[in-house]
């Protein structure tokens, strides 16, 4: 996730909105997690609101920290995805971890969890 947030920091310079940068020069980032279902459209049919609409996680999941401010000159920030997967074998589940700045998605990653001790 650190690489995603480093990309996010570099991309934030494009200036999507002033609400992403505080008076002290720090850029506020919010990180969310939800369950992933691929049904995204591409090109003219792509709808960012639908693609990034929150879907409740299948299992309890959270990201720590779930929000922070990038200080001026800070290149990346580590975040941790914590998922309470069942102890018994079952189907894999995918989770989206999305970073948001200025109320818009700025980057993310999909993580697949193998329950029951799988890697």
N, C-alpha and C. Protein backbone atom coordinates (compact mmCIF):
# COMPACT_ATOMS: atom_id res chain seq x y z
N UNK A 1 0.81 -1.19 0.00
CA UNK A 1 0.00 0.00 0.00
C UNK A 1 0.86 1.25 0.00
N UNK A 2 2.08 1.17 0.53
CA UNK A 2 2.95 2.33 0.56
C UNK A 2 3.20 2.88 -0.84
N UNK A 3 3.40 2.00 -1.82
CA UNK A 3 3.64 2.45 -3.19
C UNK A 3 2.42 3.18 -3.76
N UNK A 4 1.23 2.69 -3.43
CA UNK A 4 0.00 3.35 -3.89
C UNK A 4 -0.06 4.76 -3.31
N UNK A 5 0.26 4.89 -2.02
CA UNK A 5 0.17 6.20 -1.41
C UNK A 5 1.29 7.12 -1.88
N UNK A 6 2.44 6.55 -2.27
CA UNK A 6 3.49 7.39 -2.85
C UNK A 6 3.01 7.93 -4.20
N UNK A 7 2.36 7.07 -4.99
CA UNK A 7 1.78 7.52 -6.26
C UNK A 7 0.72 8.58 -6.00
N UNK A 8 -0.09 8.36 -4.96
CA UNK A 8 -1.12 9.31 -4.60
C UNK A 8 -0.51 10.67 -4.31
N UNK A 9 0.58 10.70 -3.57
CA UNK A 9 1.24 11.96 -3.23
C UNK A 9 1.70 12.67 -4.49
N UNK A 10 2.31 11.96 -5.40
CA UNK A 10 2.79 12.57 -6.64
C UNK A 10 1.62 13.07 -7.47
N UNK A 11 0.54 12.30 -7.54
CA UNK A 11 -0.62 12.69 -8.32
C UNK A 11 -1.39 13.85 -7.74
N UNK A 12 -1.27 14.07 -6.44
CA UNK A 12 -2.04 15.13 -5.80
C UNK A 12 -1.59 16.51 -6.23
N UNK A 13 -0.42 16.64 -6.77
CA UNK A 13 0.09 17.93 -7.20
C UNK A 13 -0.72 18.49 -8.37
N UNK A 14 -1.53 17.63 -9.02
CA UNK A 14 -2.33 18.07 -10.15
C UNK A 14 -3.47 18.98 -9.72
N UNK A 15 -3.79 18.99 -8.41
CA UNK A 15 -4.75 19.95 -7.88
C UNK A 15 -6.20 19.69 -8.22
N UNK A 16 -6.79 18.63 -7.72
CA UNK A 16 -8.19 18.33 -7.95
C UNK A 16 -9.10 19.30 -7.20
N UNK A 17 -8.66 19.85 -6.09
CA UNK A 17 -9.49 20.75 -5.30
C UNK A 17 -8.72 21.28 -4.12
N UNK A 18 -9.05 22.46 -3.71
CA UNK A 18 -8.31 23.08 -2.60
C UNK A 18 -8.62 22.41 -1.27
N UNK A 19 -9.74 21.70 -1.14
CA UNK A 19 -10.07 21.09 0.13
C UNK A 19 -9.10 19.98 0.51
N UNK A 20 -8.29 19.49 -0.42
CA UNK A 20 -7.34 18.42 -0.10
C UNK A 20 -6.08 18.96 0.57
N UNK A 21 -5.83 20.28 0.51
CA UNK A 21 -4.63 20.83 1.12
C UNK A 21 -5.03 21.78 2.23
N UNK A 22 -4.46 21.55 3.42
CA UNK A 22 -4.76 22.39 4.56
C UNK A 22 -3.88 23.63 4.54
N UNK A 23 -4.19 24.59 5.38
CA UNK A 23 -3.43 25.83 5.44
C UNK A 23 -1.97 25.61 5.79
N UNK A 24 -1.68 24.55 6.56
CA UNK A 24 -0.29 24.28 6.94
C UNK A 24 0.49 23.54 5.85
N UNK A 25 -0.11 23.36 4.67
CA UNK A 25 0.56 22.71 3.56
C UNK A 25 0.39 21.21 3.53
N UNK A 26 -0.22 20.63 4.56
CA UNK A 26 -0.44 19.19 4.60
C UNK A 26 -1.63 18.81 3.72
N UNK A 27 -1.57 17.63 3.14
CA UNK A 27 -2.65 17.12 2.30
C UNK A 27 -3.37 16.00 3.04
N UNK A 28 -4.68 16.15 3.23
CA UNK A 28 -5.47 15.19 3.98
C UNK A 28 -5.84 14.00 3.10
N UNK A 29 -5.65 12.79 3.64
CA UNK A 29 -5.95 11.54 2.93
C UNK A 29 -6.86 10.70 3.82
N UNK A 30 -7.91 10.14 3.21
CA UNK A 30 -8.80 9.21 3.90
C UNK A 30 -8.68 7.88 3.16
N UNK A 31 -8.59 6.77 3.91
CA UNK A 31 -8.44 5.45 3.31
C UNK A 31 -9.63 4.59 3.74
N UNK A 32 -10.29 3.96 2.73
CA UNK A 32 -11.45 3.12 3.03
C UNK A 32 -11.20 1.70 2.53
N UNK A 33 -11.99 0.76 3.05
CA UNK A 33 -11.92 -0.63 2.59
C UNK A 33 -13.35 -1.13 2.39
N UNK A 34 -13.54 -1.86 1.30
CA UNK A 34 -14.84 -2.48 1.04
C UNK A 34 -14.62 -3.76 0.23
N UNK A 35 -15.69 -4.53 0.08
CA UNK A 35 -15.60 -5.77 -0.70
C UNK A 35 -15.55 -5.43 -2.18
N UNK A 36 -14.86 -6.24 -2.94
CA UNK A 36 -14.66 -5.98 -4.36
C UNK A 36 -15.51 -6.90 -5.21
N UNK A 37 -16.20 -6.33 -6.18
CA UNK A 37 -16.91 -7.09 -7.18
C UNK A 37 -16.62 -6.44 -8.52
N UNK A 38 -16.02 -7.16 -9.44
CA UNK A 38 -15.66 -6.57 -10.73
C UNK A 38 -16.87 -6.51 -11.62
N UNK A 39 -17.32 -5.30 -11.87
CA UNK A 39 -18.35 -5.06 -12.87
C UNK A 39 -18.15 -3.66 -13.44
N UNK A 40 -16.89 -3.21 -13.39
CA UNK A 40 -16.55 -1.87 -13.86
C UNK A 40 -16.65 -1.79 -15.38
N UNK A 41 -17.08 -0.67 -15.85
CA UNK A 41 -17.13 -0.40 -17.29
C UNK A 41 -15.91 0.45 -17.65
N UNK A 42 -15.60 0.55 -18.91
CA UNK A 42 -14.42 1.30 -19.34
C UNK A 42 -14.83 2.36 -20.36
N UNK A 43 -13.92 3.27 -20.61
CA UNK A 43 -14.14 4.30 -21.63
C UNK A 43 -15.30 5.20 -21.28
N UNK A 44 -16.09 5.53 -22.29
CA UNK A 44 -17.22 6.45 -22.11
C UNK A 44 -18.27 5.88 -21.16
N UNK A 45 -18.32 4.55 -21.03
CA UNK A 45 -19.31 3.92 -20.16
C UNK A 45 -18.89 3.89 -18.69
N UNK A 46 -17.65 4.27 -18.40
CA UNK A 46 -17.15 4.24 -17.02
C UNK A 46 -17.89 5.27 -16.17
N UNK A 47 -18.30 4.86 -15.00
CA UNK A 47 -18.99 5.74 -14.05
C UNK A 47 -18.23 5.67 -12.73
N UNK A 48 -17.35 6.64 -12.44
CA UNK A 48 -16.56 6.60 -11.20
C UNK A 48 -17.42 6.48 -9.96
N UNK A 49 -18.59 7.11 -9.94
CA UNK A 49 -19.45 7.01 -8.76
C UNK A 49 -19.87 5.56 -8.51
N UNK A 50 -20.18 4.83 -9.57
CA UNK A 50 -20.57 3.42 -9.43
C UNK A 50 -19.36 2.55 -9.10
N UNK A 51 -18.21 2.82 -9.76
CA UNK A 51 -17.01 2.01 -9.51
C UNK A 51 -16.53 2.12 -8.08
N UNK A 52 -16.62 3.32 -7.52
CA UNK A 52 -16.09 3.55 -6.18
C UNK A 52 -17.17 3.61 -5.11
N UNK A 53 -18.40 3.22 -5.45
CA UNK A 53 -19.47 3.19 -4.46
C UNK A 53 -19.12 2.17 -3.39
N UNK A 54 -19.25 2.52 -2.11
CA UNK A 54 -18.88 1.57 -1.05
C UNK A 54 -19.77 0.33 -1.07
N UNK A 55 -19.15 -0.80 -0.86
CA UNK A 55 -19.87 -2.07 -0.72
C UNK A 55 -19.45 -2.63 0.64
N UNK A 56 -20.37 -3.02 1.47
CA UNK A 56 -19.97 -3.51 2.80
C UNK A 56 -19.00 -4.69 2.69
N UNK A 57 -17.94 -4.69 3.52
CA UNK A 57 -17.02 -5.83 3.50
C UNK A 57 -17.74 -7.13 3.87
N UNK A 58 -17.35 -8.22 3.22
CA UNK A 58 -17.92 -9.53 3.51
C UNK A 58 -17.57 -9.95 4.93
N UNK A 59 -16.33 -9.70 5.34
CA UNK A 59 -15.86 -9.96 6.70
C UNK A 59 -15.47 -8.61 7.30
N UNK A 60 -15.40 -8.55 8.63
CA UNK A 60 -14.95 -7.32 9.27
C UNK A 60 -13.57 -6.96 8.74
N UNK A 61 -13.42 -5.72 8.28
CA UNK A 61 -12.15 -5.26 7.72
C UNK A 61 -11.99 -3.78 8.06
N UNK A 62 -10.73 -3.40 8.29
CA UNK A 62 -10.44 -2.00 8.55
C UNK A 62 -9.02 -1.68 8.12
N UNK A 63 -8.74 -0.41 7.98
CA UNK A 63 -7.41 0.07 7.62
C UNK A 63 -6.93 0.97 8.75
N UNK A 64 -5.67 0.80 9.15
CA UNK A 64 -5.08 1.66 10.18
C UNK A 64 -3.79 2.25 9.66
N UNK A 65 -3.63 3.56 9.72
CA UNK A 65 -4.65 4.54 10.06
C UNK A 65 -5.63 4.70 8.90
N UNK A 66 -6.84 5.13 9.22
CA UNK A 66 -7.84 5.31 8.16
C UNK A 66 -7.87 6.73 7.63
N UNK A 67 -7.09 7.62 8.23
CA UNK A 67 -6.94 8.97 7.71
C UNK A 67 -5.65 9.56 8.27
N UNK A 68 -5.08 10.47 7.53
CA UNK A 68 -3.84 11.13 7.94
C UNK A 68 -3.57 12.30 7.02
N UNK A 69 -2.60 13.10 7.38
CA UNK A 69 -2.20 14.23 6.55
C UNK A 69 -0.78 13.99 6.07
N UNK A 70 -0.58 14.12 4.76
CA UNK A 70 0.76 14.10 4.20
C UNK A 70 1.41 15.43 4.51
N UNK A 71 2.54 15.41 5.20
CA UNK A 71 3.27 16.64 5.48
C UNK A 71 4.01 17.07 4.21
N UNK A 72 4.31 18.36 4.09
CA UNK A 72 5.09 18.81 2.93
C UNK A 72 6.40 18.02 2.83
N UNK A 73 6.68 17.49 1.66
CA UNK A 73 7.91 16.72 1.44
C UNK A 73 7.81 15.25 1.82
N UNK A 74 6.71 14.81 2.43
CA UNK A 74 6.54 13.40 2.80
C UNK A 74 6.26 12.59 1.54
N UNK A 75 6.98 11.49 1.34
CA UNK A 75 6.88 10.72 0.10
C UNK A 75 5.85 9.59 0.17
N UNK A 76 5.67 8.94 1.32
CA UNK A 76 4.72 7.83 1.42
C UNK A 76 4.31 7.64 2.87
N UNK A 77 3.27 6.85 3.07
CA UNK A 77 2.79 6.52 4.40
C UNK A 77 2.36 5.07 4.37
N UNK A 78 2.77 4.28 5.34
CA UNK A 78 2.34 2.89 5.42
C UNK A 78 0.98 2.82 6.09
N UNK A 79 0.12 1.97 5.55
CA UNK A 79 -1.16 1.67 6.17
C UNK A 79 -1.28 0.15 6.26
N UNK A 80 -2.08 -0.31 7.19
CA UNK A 80 -2.24 -1.74 7.41
C UNK A 80 -3.69 -2.14 7.20
N UNK A 81 -3.91 -3.17 6.39
CA UNK A 81 -5.23 -3.74 6.19
C UNK A 81 -5.40 -4.88 7.18
N UNK A 82 -6.45 -4.82 7.99
CA UNK A 82 -6.73 -5.84 9.00
C UNK A 82 -8.09 -6.46 8.66
N UNK A 83 -8.09 -7.77 8.40
CA UNK A 83 -9.31 -8.48 8.01
C UNK A 83 -9.53 -9.64 8.97
N UNK A 84 -10.74 -9.75 9.53
CA UNK A 84 -11.10 -10.86 10.41
C UNK A 84 -11.70 -11.98 9.56
N UNK A 85 -10.83 -12.72 8.87
CA UNK A 85 -11.26 -13.82 8.01
C UNK A 85 -11.59 -15.03 8.89
N UNK A 86 -12.48 -15.89 8.43
CA UNK A 86 -12.80 -17.10 9.21
C UNK A 86 -11.59 -18.04 9.29
N UNK A 87 -11.58 -18.87 10.33
CA UNK A 87 -10.49 -19.83 10.53
C UNK A 87 -10.66 -21.09 9.68
N UNK A 88 -11.81 -21.26 9.08
CA UNK A 88 -12.07 -22.46 8.29
C UNK A 88 -11.94 -22.15 6.80
N UNK A 89 -11.61 -23.15 5.99
CA UNK A 89 -11.47 -22.93 4.55
C UNK A 89 -12.77 -22.45 3.93
N UNK A 90 -12.64 -21.66 2.92
CA UNK A 90 -13.80 -21.15 2.21
C UNK A 90 -13.36 -20.40 0.97
N UNK A 91 -14.29 -19.79 0.29
CA UNK A 91 -13.94 -19.08 -0.94
C UNK A 91 -13.10 -17.83 -0.63
N UNK A 92 -12.23 -17.50 -1.59
CA UNK A 92 -11.44 -16.28 -1.46
C UNK A 92 -12.36 -15.08 -1.49
N UNK A 93 -11.95 -14.01 -0.83
CA UNK A 93 -12.69 -12.76 -0.86
C UNK A 93 -11.71 -11.65 -1.22
N UNK A 94 -12.15 -10.70 -2.02
CA UNK A 94 -11.32 -9.58 -2.43
C UNK A 94 -11.82 -8.30 -1.77
N UNK A 95 -10.88 -7.44 -1.37
CA UNK A 95 -11.19 -6.19 -0.72
C UNK A 95 -10.50 -5.05 -1.45
N UNK A 96 -11.24 -3.96 -1.66
CA UNK A 96 -10.67 -2.74 -2.22
C UNK A 96 -10.16 -1.87 -1.08
N UNK A 97 -8.96 -1.38 -1.20
CA UNK A 97 -8.44 -0.35 -0.31
C UNK A 97 -8.26 0.88 -1.18
N UNK A 98 -9.00 1.94 -0.87
CA UNK A 98 -9.02 3.13 -1.71
C UNK A 98 -8.58 4.35 -0.92
N UNK A 99 -7.67 5.13 -1.49
CA UNK A 99 -7.24 6.39 -0.90
C UNK A 99 -8.05 7.51 -1.55
N UNK A 100 -8.52 8.44 -0.74
CA UNK A 100 -9.35 9.55 -1.19
C UNK A 100 -8.68 10.86 -0.82
N UNK A 101 -8.71 11.81 -1.72
CA UNK A 101 -8.25 13.18 -1.45
C UNK A 101 -9.25 14.13 -2.09
N UNK A 102 -9.61 15.18 -1.36
CA UNK A 102 -10.53 16.15 -1.90
C UNK A 102 -11.88 15.56 -2.26
N UNK A 103 -12.28 14.48 -1.58
CA UNK A 103 -13.56 13.85 -1.84
C UNK A 103 -13.59 12.96 -3.07
N UNK A 104 -12.43 12.76 -3.72
CA UNK A 104 -12.37 11.93 -4.92
C UNK A 104 -11.38 10.79 -4.72
N UNK A 105 -11.64 9.62 -5.33
CA UNK A 105 -10.68 8.52 -5.23
C UNK A 105 -9.37 8.91 -5.92
N UNK A 106 -8.25 8.64 -5.25
CA UNK A 106 -6.95 9.03 -5.79
C UNK A 106 -6.06 7.84 -6.13
N UNK A 107 -6.45 6.65 -5.71
CA UNK A 107 -5.65 5.46 -5.98
C UNK A 107 -6.12 4.34 -5.07
N UNK A 108 -5.65 3.16 -5.34
CA UNK A 108 -6.05 2.04 -4.50
C UNK A 108 -5.45 0.74 -4.96
N UNK A 109 -5.81 -0.29 -4.24
CA UNK A 109 -5.32 -1.63 -4.52
C UNK A 109 -6.40 -2.62 -4.13
N UNK A 110 -6.44 -3.77 -4.80
CA UNK A 110 -7.34 -4.85 -4.43
C UNK A 110 -6.51 -5.97 -3.82
N UNK A 111 -6.93 -6.44 -2.65
CA UNK A 111 -6.22 -7.49 -1.91
C UNK A 111 -7.14 -8.70 -1.81
N UNK A 112 -6.65 -9.89 -2.18
CA UNK A 112 -7.43 -11.12 -2.07
C UNK A 112 -7.00 -11.88 -0.83
N UNK A 113 -7.97 -12.29 -0.01
CA UNK A 113 -7.72 -13.02 1.23
C UNK A 113 -8.15 -14.47 1.02
N UNK A 114 -7.28 -15.39 1.40
CA UNK A 114 -7.56 -16.83 1.33
C UNK A 114 -7.87 -17.32 2.74
N UNK A 115 -9.13 -17.61 3.08
CA UNK A 115 -9.46 -18.02 4.45
C UNK A 115 -8.97 -19.43 4.78
N UNK A 116 -8.90 -19.68 6.06
CA UNK A 116 -8.56 -21.02 6.54
C UNK A 116 -7.09 -21.33 6.52
N UNK A 117 -6.26 -20.32 6.72
CA UNK A 117 -4.82 -20.55 6.82
C UNK A 117 -4.09 -20.52 5.50
N UNK A 118 -4.78 -20.27 4.40
CA UNK A 118 -4.09 -20.17 3.09
C UNK A 118 -3.33 -18.87 2.99
N UNK A 119 -2.41 -18.81 2.04
CA UNK A 119 -1.64 -17.57 1.86
C UNK A 119 -2.10 -16.83 0.64
